[in-house]
Amino acid sequence: MQDLLTSGWIVDAILVLMAAEATLLLALWLIAGRGIRPIPLLANLAAGGSLLLALRSALTGGSSSTLAVFLLLSLAAHVLDLICRWAVRLRAPL
């Protein structure tokens, strides 16, 4: 178990699952027009993915600047996700 964490392999496996999730949800949207709109979906997954990459960097001894870049990317994606959610909320009737 320790090797899974220190090698970062567990993070890679989670990122692959997230990519599969994104593919399925985007296909659902494109084929059936149902589900989560693409921009909010990708913003949400990008925020989580960036946090996972920051975790991988920390676990594998990456540089602090690499860690900072992933955290900043996560912040930017999170802000985009919030903007998308507020935009939907403002258009919805009370």
Protein backbone atom coordinates (compact mmCIF):
# COMPACT_ATOMS: atom_id res chain seq x y z
CA MET A 1 0.00 0.00 0.00
CA GLN A 2 2.85 2.36 0.82
CA ASP A 3 4.29 1.88 -2.68
CA LEU A 4 0.98 2.83 -4.29
CA LEU A 5 1.08 6.15 -2.48
CA THR A 6 4.73 7.06 -2.80
CA SER A 7 4.92 6.15 -6.49
CA GLY A 8 1.85 8.24 -7.32
CA TRP A 9 0.28 5.27 -9.12
CA ILE A 10 -2.94 5.55 -7.13
CA VAL A 11 -3.39 9.14 -8.32
CA ASP A 12 -2.79 8.03 -11.92
CA ALA A 13 -5.49 5.37 -11.55
CA ILE A 14 -7.97 7.92 -10.20
CA LEU A 15 -7.17 10.31 -13.07
CA VAL A 16 -7.86 7.52 -15.58
CA LEU A 17 -11.23 6.90 -13.91
CA MET A 18 -11.99 10.62 -14.05
CA ALA A 19 -11.16 10.69 -17.77
CA ALA A 20 -13.54 7.76 -18.32
CA GLU A 21 -16.23 9.57 -16.34
CA ALA A 22 -15.75 12.72 -18.42
CA THR A 23 -15.95 10.73 -21.65
CA LEU A 24 -19.17 9.00 -20.63
CA LEU A 25 -20.85 12.17 -19.38
CA LEU A 26 -19.85 14.18 -22.45
CA ALA A 27 -21.12 11.38 -24.71
CA LEU A 28 -24.43 11.39 -22.83
CA TRP A 29 -24.69 15.14 -23.35
CA LEU A 30 -23.83 14.97 -27.05
CA ILE A 31 -26.01 11.97 -27.88
CA ALA A 32 -29.06 12.51 -25.68
CA GLY A 33 -28.79 16.18 -24.70
CA ARG A 34 -29.10 15.16 -21.05
CA GLY A 35 -26.87 15.46 -18.04
CA ILE A 36 -24.36 18.11 -17.10
CA ARG A 37 -23.46 20.81 -19.62
CA PRO A 38 -19.89 20.37 -20.95
CA ILE A 39 -18.25 23.57 -19.62
CA PRO A 40 -19.37 23.15 -15.98
CA LEU A 41 -18.53 19.44 -16.14
CA LEU A 42 -15.02 20.04 -17.46
CA ALA A 43 -14.42 22.91 -15.02
CA ASN A 44 -15.40 20.69 -12.09
CA LEU A 45 -13.27 17.79 -13.27
CA ALA A 46 -10.34 20.11 -14.03
CA ALA A 47 -10.44 21.47 -10.47
CA GLY A 48 -10.40 17.97 -9.01
CA GLY A 49 -7.83 16.72 -11.49
CA SER A 50 -5.50 19.62 -10.72
CA LEU A 51 -5.75 18.88 -7.01
CA LEU A 52 -4.91 15.25 -7.73
CA LEU A 53 -1.89 16.31 -9.78
CA ALA A 54 -0.79 18.54 -6.90
CA LEU A 55 -1.12 15.55 -4.57
CA ARG A 56 0.89 13.40 -6.97
CA SER A 57 3.59 16.05 -7.13
CA ALA A 58 3.79 16.20 -3.34
CA LEU A 59 3.83 12.40 -2.95
CA THR A 60 6.56 11.87 -5.54
CA GLY A 61 8.83 14.69 -4.37
CA GLY A 62 8.02 17.22 -7.07
CA SER A 63 9.21 20.78 -6.84
CA SER A 64 7.27 23.38 -4.90
CA SER A 65 6.79 25.43 -8.07
CA THR A 66 5.12 22.46 -9.79
CA LEU A 67 2.87 22.02 -6.78
CA ALA A 68 2.00 25.73 -6.86
CA VAL A 69 1.14 25.62 -10.57
CA PHE A 70 -1.27 22.71 -10.05
CA LEU A 71 -2.89 24.47 -7.10
CA LEU A 72 -3.32 27.67 -9.12
CA LEU A 73 -4.84 25.69 -12.00
CA SER A 74 -7.24 24.12 -9.54
CA LEU A 75 -8.21 27.53 -8.21
CA ALA A 76 -8.85 28.86 -11.72
CA ALA A 77 -10.99 25.83 -12.63
CA HIS A 78 -12.89 26.13 -9.34
CA VAL A 79 -13.65 29.81 -10.00
CA LEU A 80 -14.91 28.90 -13.50
CA ASP A 81 -17.08 26.19 -11.96
CA LEU A 82 -18.57 28.69 -9.50
CA ILE A 83 -19.24 31.20 -12.28
CA CYS A 84 -21.08 28.52 -14.26
CA ARG A 85 -23.16 27.55 -11.24
CA TRP A 86 -24.07 31.15 -10.44
CA ALA A 87 -24.95 31.87 -14.07
CA VAL A 88 -27.43 28.97 -14.04
CA ARG A 89 -28.81 30.11 -10.69
CA LEU A 90 -29.34 33.68 -11.91
CA ARG A 91 -31.33 32.48 -14.94
CA ALA A 92 -33.56 30.17 -12.89
CA PRO A 93 -36.84 31.50 -11.53
CA LEU A 94 -37.10 31.89 -7.77
